[in-house]
């Protein structure tokens, strides 16, 4: 074995050991290449490619580990933010409940105001109806009073006419009695005539 083969063998052993270490550290599926004499002599470029690949894989895993560490470092802040959000949500829930209760109270007030408005409207309609009834009553009363006054006046006129007629009859009877008295010197059936006329007058007055 010459010096080149020895160097390649040693390099292959180191690369295989490094790849095995990568598999143990990261749990990857990288298989360490087995170097023989023919492969070491014929394919030296493969070793360089494997080394480059392992270096890139190592950098990738190291960057992923760095990102994971950064995320783990930011995890407490995220937890604090989540706690703050949870507290804010609890406060918002309390505010929503209070707002809901106020909305219910406002709805109750609106119902009361609407009922009061309807009540006032009904009272106004009732007052207008009462005024209308009072006006009709006063008008009807005035009409009845006018009719009653007219009937009373008519009855008074009839009474006056009948009284005048009776007075005329009495005057005629008186004149006849006076003439009889002057001609004969006494009155005949004076009491009967006066009694009959007085009775008829009293019955007529009762009828009126």
C-alpha atoms as a PDB file:
ATOM      1  CA  UNK A   1       0.000   0.000   0.000  1.00  0.00           C
ATOM      2  CA  UNK A   2       1.561   3.298  -1.089  1.00  0.00           C
ATOM      3  CA  UNK A   3       1.136   6.670   0.597  1.00  0.00           C
ATOM      4  CA  UNK A   4      -1.802   7.762  -1.510  1.00  0.00           C
ATOM      5  CA  UNK A   5      -3.765   4.656  -0.713  1.00  0.00           C
ATOM      6  CA  UNK A   6      -2.982   5.100   2.948  1.00  0.00           C
ATOM      7  CA  UNK A   7      -4.182   8.683   2.881  1.00  0.00           C
ATOM      8  CA  UNK A   8      -7.361   7.746   1.029  1.00  0.00           C
ATOM      9  CA  UNK A   9      -7.960   4.873   3.421  1.00  0.00           C
ATOM     10  CA  UNK A  10      -7.517   7.136   6.391  1.00  0.00           C
ATOM     11  CA  UNK A  11      -9.743   9.783   4.818  1.00  0.00           C
ATOM     12  CA  UNK A  12     -12.367   7.174   4.103  1.00  0.00           C
ATOM     13  CA  UNK A  13     -12.232   5.996   7.669  1.00  0.00           C
ATOM     14  CA  UNK A  14     -12.566   9.559   8.934  1.00  0.00           C
ATOM     15  CA  UNK A  15     -15.459  10.285   6.576  1.00  0.00           C
ATOM     16  CA  UNK A  16     -17.187   7.072   7.612  1.00  0.00           C
ATOM     17  CA  UNK A  17     -16.688   7.941  11.253  1.00  0.00           C
ATOM     18  CA  UNK A  18     -18.010  11.462  10.629  1.00  0.00           C
ATOM     19  CA  UNK A  19     -21.087  10.161   8.802  1.00  0.00           C
ATOM     20  CA  UNK A  20     -21.761   7.681  11.558  1.00  0.00           C
ATOM     21  CA  UNK A  21     -21.512  10.550  14.020  1.00  0.00           C
ATOM     22  CA  UNK A  22     -23.971  12.550  11.948  1.00  0.00           C
ATOM     23  CA  UNK A  23     -26.366   9.587  12.012  1.00  0.00           C
ATOM     24  CA  UNK A  24     -26.085   9.290  15.784  1.00  0.00           C
ATOM     25  CA  UNK A  25     -26.445  13.005  16.365  1.00  0.00           C
ATOM     26  CA  UNK A  26     -29.310  13.821  13.993  1.00  0.00           C
ATOM     27  CA  UNK A  27     -30.925  10.426  13.468  1.00  0.00           C
ATOM     28  CA  UNK A  28     -30.458  10.688   9.740  1.00  0.00           C
ATOM     29  CA  UNK A  29     -30.286   7.959   7.213  1.00  0.00           C
ATOM     30  CA  UNK A  30     -26.801   8.736   5.905  1.00  0.00           C
ATOM     31  CA  UNK A  31     -24.783   5.591   5.201  1.00  0.00           C
ATOM     32  CA  UNK A  32     -21.056   5.759   5.592  1.00  0.00           C
ATOM     33  CA  UNK A  33     -19.333   4.697   2.341  1.00  0.00           C
ATOM     34  CA  UNK A  34     -17.025   1.732   2.395  1.00  0.00           C
ATOM     35  CA  UNK A  35     -13.734   2.434   0.647  1.00  0.00           C
ATOM     36  CA  UNK A  36     -11.796  -0.222  -1.089  1.00  0.00           C
ATOM     37  CA  UNK A  37      -8.633  -0.019  -2.988  1.00  0.00           C
ATOM     38  CA  UNK A  38     -10.302   0.223  -6.354  1.00  0.00           C
ATOM     39  CA  UNK A  39     -12.799   2.843  -5.222  1.00  0.00           C
ATOM     40  CA  UNK A  40     -10.118   4.874  -3.544  1.00  0.00           C
ATOM     41  CA  UNK A  41      -8.039   4.830  -6.663  1.00  0.00           C
ATOM     42  CA  UNK A  42     -10.843   5.297  -9.215  1.00  0.00           C
ATOM     43  CA  UNK A  43     -13.265   7.589  -7.439  1.00  0.00           C
ATOM     44  CA  UNK A  44     -11.538  10.247  -5.409  1.00  0.00           C
ATOM     45  CA  UNK A  45     -14.131  12.797  -6.439  1.00  0.00           C
ATOM     46  CA  UNK A  46     -16.888  10.870  -4.602  1.00  0.00           C
ATOM     47  CA  UNK A  47     -15.145  11.446  -1.321  1.00  0.00           C
ATOM     48  CA  UNK A  48     -15.001  15.160  -1.930  1.00  0.00           C
ATOM     49  CA  UNK A  49     -18.733  15.095  -2.902  1.00  0.00           C
ATOM     50  CA  UNK A  50     -19.627  13.187   0.258  1.00  0.00           C
ATOM     51  CA  UNK A  51     -17.637  15.624   2.345  1.00  0.00           C
ATOM     52  CA  UNK A  52     -19.416  18.576   0.700  1.00  0.00           C
ATOM     53  CA  UNK A  53     -22.774  16.858   1.190  1.00  0.00           C
ATOM     54  CA  UNK A  54     -22.063  16.153   4.831  1.00  0.00           C
ATOM     55  CA  UNK A  55     -20.902  19.728   5.345  1.00  0.00           C
ATOM     56  CA  UNK A  56     -24.112  21.096   3.763  1.00  0.00           C
ATOM     57  CA  UNK A  57     -26.202  18.678   5.831  1.00  0.00           C
ATOM     58  CA  UNK A  58     -24.358  19.731   8.942  1.00  0.00           C
ATOM     59  CA  UNK A  59     -24.923  23.421   8.142  1.00  0.00           C
ATOM     60  CA  UNK A  60     -28.585  22.747   7.452  1.00  0.00           C
ATOM     61  CA  UNK A  61     -29.056  20.880  10.725  1.00  0.00           C
ATOM     62  CA  UNK A  62     -27.128  23.545  12.594  1.00  0.00           C
ATOM     63  CA  UNK A  63     -29.283  26.325  11.117  1.00  0.00           C
ATOM     64  CA  UNK A  64     -32.426  24.330  11.960  1.00  0.00           C
ATOM     65  CA  UNK A  65     -31.134  23.870  15.499  1.00  0.00           C
ATOM     66  CA  UNK A  66     -30.391  27.585  15.724  1.00  0.00           C
ATOM     67  CA  UNK A  67     -33.885  28.444  14.542  1.00  0.00           C
ATOM     68  CA  UNK A  68     -35.334  25.980  17.029  1.00  0.00           C
ATOM     69  CA  UNK A  69     -33.334  27.563  19.833  1.00  0.00           C
ATOM     70  CA  UNK A  70     -34.493  31.014  18.755  1.00  0.00           C
ATOM     71  CA  UNK A  71     -38.101  29.797  18.708  1.00  0.00           C
ATOM     72  CA  UNK A  72     -37.640  28.229  22.133  1.00  0.00           C
ATOM     73  CA  UNK A  73     -36.241  31.512  23.404  1.00  0.00           C
ATOM     74  CA  UNK A  74     -39.305  33.337  22.045  1.00  0.00           C
ATOM     75  CA  UNK A  75     -41.690  30.781  23.550  1.00  0.00           C
ATOM     76  CA  UNK A  76     -42.034  32.567  26.975  1.00  0.00           C
ATOM     77  CA  UNK A  77     -42.915  35.790  25.208  1.00  0.00           C
ATOM     78  CA  UNK A  78     -45.487  33.897  23.155  1.00  0.00           C
ATOM     79  CA  UNK A  79     -46.896  32.392  26.336  1.00  0.00           C
ATOM     80  CA  UNK A  80     -47.109  35.859  27.877  1.00  0.00           C
ATOM     81  CA  UNK A  81     -48.861  37.158  24.771  1.00  0.00           C
ATOM     82  CA  UNK A  82     -51.315  34.262  24.911  1.00  0.00           C
ATOM     83  CA  UNK A  83     -51.967  35.031  28.588  1.00  0.00           C
ATOM     84  CA  UNK A  84     -52.543  38.675  27.704  1.00  0.00           C
ATOM     85  CA  UNK A  85     -54.897  37.675  24.886  1.00  0.00           C
ATOM     86  CA  UNK A  86     -56.760  35.303  27.211  1.00  0.00           C
ATOM     87  CA  UNK A  87     -57.121  38.059  29.812  1.00  0.00           C
ATOM     88  CA  UNK A  88     -58.319  40.459  27.129  1.00  0.00           C
ATOM     89  CA  UNK A  89     -60.850  37.905  25.914  1.00  0.00           C
ATOM     90  CA  UNK A  90     -62.128  37.436  29.473  1.00  0.00           C
ATOM     91  CA  UNK A  91     -62.469  41.207  29.849  1.00  0.00           C
ATOM     92  CA  UNK A  92     -64.233  41.397  26.490  1.00  0.00           C
ATOM     93  CA  UNK A  93     -66.606  38.639  27.586  1.00  0.00           C
ATOM     94  CA  UNK A  94     -67.414  40.627  30.732  1.00  0.00           C
ATOM     95  CA  UNK A  95     -67.912  43.756  28.636  1.00  0.00           C
ATOM     96  CA  UNK A  96     -70.179  41.849  26.259  1.00  0.00           C
ATOM     97  CA  UNK A  97     -72.277  40.551  29.154  1.00  0.00           C
ATOM     98  CA  UNK A  98     -72.561  44.054  30.582  1.00  0.00           C
ATOM     99  CA  UNK A  99     -73.469  45.428  27.164  1.00  0.00           C
ATOM    100  CA  UNK A 100     -76.091  42.712  26.740  1.00  0.00           C
ATOM    101  CA  UNK A 101     -77.638  43.560  30.110  1.00  0.00           C
ATOM    102  CA  UNK A 102     -77.670  47.244  29.187  1.00  0.00           C
ATOM    103  CA  UNK A 103     -79.296  46.441  25.860  1.00  0.00           C
ATOM    104  CA  UNK A 104     -81.977  44.438  27.664  1.00  0.00           C
ATOM    105  CA  UNK A 105     -82.533  47.367  30.043  1.00  0.00           C
ATOM    106  CA  UNK A 106     -82.684  49.758  27.080  1.00  0.00           C
ATOM    107  CA  UNK A 107     -85.221  47.511  25.362  1.00  0.00           C
ATOM    108  CA  UNK A 108     -87.298  47.505  28.550  1.00  0.00           C
ATOM    109  CA  UNK A 109     -87.146  51.312  28.669  1.00  0.00           C
ATOM    110  CA  UNK A 110     -88.183  51.500  25.018  1.00  0.00           C
ATOM    111  CA  UNK A 111     -91.170  49.233  25.723  1.00  0.00           C
ATOM    112  CA  UNK A 112     -92.150  51.404  28.678  1.00  0.00           C
ATOM    113  CA  UNK A 113     -91.821  54.567  26.596  1.00  0.00           C
ATOM    114  CA  UNK A 114     -93.923  53.015  23.850  1.00  0.00           C
ATOM    115  CA  UNK A 115     -96.574  51.976  26.359  1.00  0.00           C
ATOM    116  CA  UNK A 116     -96.536  55.464  27.870  1.00  0.00           C
ATOM    117  CA  UNK A 117     -96.898  57.003  24.415  1.00  0.00           C
ATOM    118  CA  UNK A 118     -99.833  54.709  23.599  1.00  0.00           C
ATOM    119  CA  UNK A 119    -101.380  55.524  26.972  1.00  0.00           C
ATOM    120  CA  UNK A 120    -101.037  59.269  26.370  1.00  0.00           C
ATOM    121  CA  UNK A 121    -102.556  58.861  22.926  1.00  0.00           C
ATOM    122  CA  UNK A 122    -105.482  56.923  24.361  1.00  0.00           C
ATOM    123  CA  UNK A 123    -105.959  59.569  27.053  1.00  0.00           C
ATOM    124  CA  UNK A 124    -106.001  62.287  24.405  1.00  0.00           C
ATOM    125  CA  UNK A 125    -108.527  60.338  22.355  1.00  0.00           C
ATOM    126  CA  UNK A 126    -110.646  59.800  25.473  1.00  0.00           C
ATOM    127  CA  UNK A 127    -110.518  63.493  26.338  1.00  0.00           C
ATOM    128  CA  UNK A 128    -111.475  64.421  22.772  1.00  0.00           C
ATOM    129  CA  UNK A 129    -114.356  61.934  22.917  1.00  0.00           C
ATOM    130  CA  UNK A 130    -115.514  63.396  26.238  1.00  0.00           C
ATOM    131  CA  UNK A 131    -115.386  66.923  24.843  1.00  0.00           C
ATOM    132  CA  UNK A 132    -117.366  65.789  21.830  1.00  0.00           C
ATOM    133  CA  UNK A 133    -119.925  64.104  24.082  1.00  0.00           C
ATOM    134  CA  UNK A 134    -120.164  67.188  26.309  1.00  0.00           C
ATOM    135  CA  UNK A 135    -120.658  69.384  23.257  1.00  0.00           C
ATOM    136  CA  UNK A 136    -123.370  67.083  21.923  1.00  0.00           C
ATOM    137  CA  UNK A 137    -124.986  66.953  25.360  1.00  0.00           C
ATOM    138  CA  UNK A 138    -124.959  70.725  25.699  1.00  0.00           C
ATOM    139  CA  UNK A 139    -126.300  71.108  22.158  1.00  0.00           C
ATOM    140  CA  UNK A 140    -129.024  68.548  22.827  1.00  0.00           C
ATOM    141  CA  UNK A 141    -129.822  70.215  26.126  1.00  0.00           C
ATOM    142  CA  UNK A 142    -130.004  73.603  24.441  1.00  0.00           C
ATOM    143  CA  UNK A 143    -132.286  72.134  21.778  1.00  0.00           C
ATOM    144  CA  UNK A 144    -134.510  70.557  24.429  1.00  0.00           C
ATOM    145  CA  UNK A 145    -134.620  73.805  26.375  1.00  0.00           C
ATOM    146  CA  UNK A 146    -135.569  75.687  23.237  1.00  0.00           C
ATOM    147  CA  UNK A 147    -138.269  73.158  22.407  1.00  0.00           C
ATOM    148  CA  UNK A 148    -139.509  73.229  25.999  1.00  0.00           C
ATOM    149  CA  UNK A 149    -139.568  77.022  26.005  1.00  0.00           C
ATOM    150  CA  UNK A 150    -141.451  76.984  22.714  1.00  0.00           C
ATOM    151  CA  UNK A 151    -143.964  74.468  24.056  1.00  0.00           C
ATOM    152  CA  UNK A 152    -144.350  76.450  27.293  1.00  0.00           C
ATOM    153  CA  UNK A 153    -144.926  79.636  25.316  1.00  0.00           C
ATOM    154  CA  UNK A 154    -147.458  77.846  23.143  1.00  0.00           C
ATOM    155  CA  UNK A 155    -149.217  76.437  26.208  1.00  0.00           C
ATOM    156  CA  UNK A 156    -149.258  79.858  27.830  1.00  0.00           C
ATOM    157  CA  UNK A 157    -150.784  81.284  24.701  1.00  0.00           C
ATOM    158  CA  UNK A 158    -153.430  78.557  24.737  1.00  0.00           C
ATOM    159  CA  UNK A 159    -154.102  79.218  28.432  1.00  0.00           C
ATOM    160  CA  UNK A 160    -154.406  82.935  27.785  1.00  0.00           C
ATOM    161  CA  UNK A 161    -156.776  82.281  24.906  1.00  0.00           C
ATOM    162  CA  UNK A 162    -158.902  79.942  27.022  1.00  0.00           C
ATOM    163  CA  UNK A 163    -158.814  82.383  29.933  1.00  0.00           C
ATOM    164  CA  UNK A 164    -159.923  85.148  27.642  1.00  0.00           C
ATOM    165  CA  UNK A 165    -162.696  82.940  26.307  1.00  0.00           C
ATOM    166  CA  UNK A 166    -163.783  82.055  29.842  1.00  0.00           C
ATOM    167  CA  UNK A 167    -163.605  85.694  30.883  1.00  0.00           C
ATOM    168  CA  UNK A 168    -165.725  86.598  27.911  1.00  0.00           C
ATOM    169  CA  UNK A 169    -168.260  83.925  28.848  1.00  0.00           C
ATOM    170  CA  UNK A 170    -168.276  85.172  32.439  1.00  0.00           C
ATOM    171  CA  UNK A 171    -168.791  88.737  31.231  1.00  0.00           C
ATOM    172  CA  UNK A 172    -171.635  87.663  28.990  1.00  0.00           C
ATOM    173  CA  UNK A 173    -173.227  85.670  31.828  1.00  0.00           C
ATOM    174  CA  UNK A 174    -172.732  88.633  34.162  1.00  0.00           C
ATOM    175  CA  UNK A 175    -174.325  91.008  31.712  1.00  0.00           C
ATOM    176  CA  UNK A 176    -177.241  88.635  31.236  1.00  0.00           C
ATOM    177  CA  UNK A 177    -177.680  88.320  35.002  1.00  0.00           C
ATOM    178  CA  UNK A 178    -177.500  92.094  35.375  1.00  0.00           C
ATOM    179  CA  UNK A 179    -180.128  92.542  32.653  1.00  0.00           C
ATOM    180  CA  UNK A 180    -182.382  89.938  34.286  1.00  0.00           C
ATOM    181  CA  UNK A 181    -181.896  91.603  37.650  1.00  0.00           C
ATOM    182  CA  UNK A 182    -182.723  95.001  36.263  1.00  0.00           C
ATOM    183  CA  UNK A 183    -185.784  93.670  34.456  1.00  0.00           C
ATOM    184  CA  UNK A 184    -187.188  91.359  37.161  1.00  0.00           C
ATOM    185  CA  UNK A 185    -185.504  92.520  40.328  1.00  0.00           C
ATOM    186  CA  UNK A 186    -183.945  89.116  41.312  1.00  0.00           C
ATOM    187  CA  UNK A 187    -181.546  86.480  39.948  1.00  0.00           C
ATOM    188  CA  UNK A 188    -182.806  83.016  38.978  1.00  0.00           C
ATOM    189  CA  UNK A 189    -180.533  79.930  39.546  1.00  0.00           C
ATOM    190  CA  UNK A 190    -177.655  82.144  40.474  1.00  0.00           C
ATOM    191  CA  UNK A 191    -175.891  79.584  42.642  1.00  0.00           C
ATOM    192  CA  UNK A 192    -176.254  76.730  40.141  1.00  0.00           C
ATOM    193  CA  UNK A 193    -174.931  78.729  37.224  1.00  0.00           C
ATOM    194  CA  UNK A 194    -171.950  80.033  39.165  1.00  0.00           C
ATOM    195  CA  UNK A 195    -171.202  76.597  40.688  1.00  0.00           C
ATOM    196  CA  UNK A 196    -171.276  74.880  37.302  1.00  0.00           C
ATOM    197  CA  UNK A 197    -169.012  77.473  35.716  1.00  0.00           C
ATOM    198  CA  UNK A 198    -166.576  77.292  38.686  1.00  0.00           C
ATOM    199  CA  UNK A 199    -166.445  73.460  38.507  1.00  0.00           C
ATOM    200  CA  UNK A 200    -165.871  73.487  34.758  1.00  0.00           C
ATOM    201  CA  UNK A 201    -163.139  76.111  35.212  1.00  0.00           C
ATOM    202  CA  UNK A 202    -161.392  74.021  37.880  1.00  0.00           C
ATOM    203  CA  UNK A 203    -161.531  70.843  35.740  1.00  0.00           C
ATOM    204  CA  UNK A 204    -160.187  72.743  32.745  1.00  0.00           C
ATOM    205  CA  UNK A 205    -157.266  74.090  34.800  1.00  0.00           C
ATOM    206  CA  UNK A 206    -156.430  70.583  36.015  1.00  0.00           C
ATOM    207  CA  UNK A 207    -156.415  69.304  32.455  1.00  0.00           C
ATOM    208  CA  UNK A 208    -154.021  72.052  31.446  1.00  0.00           C
END
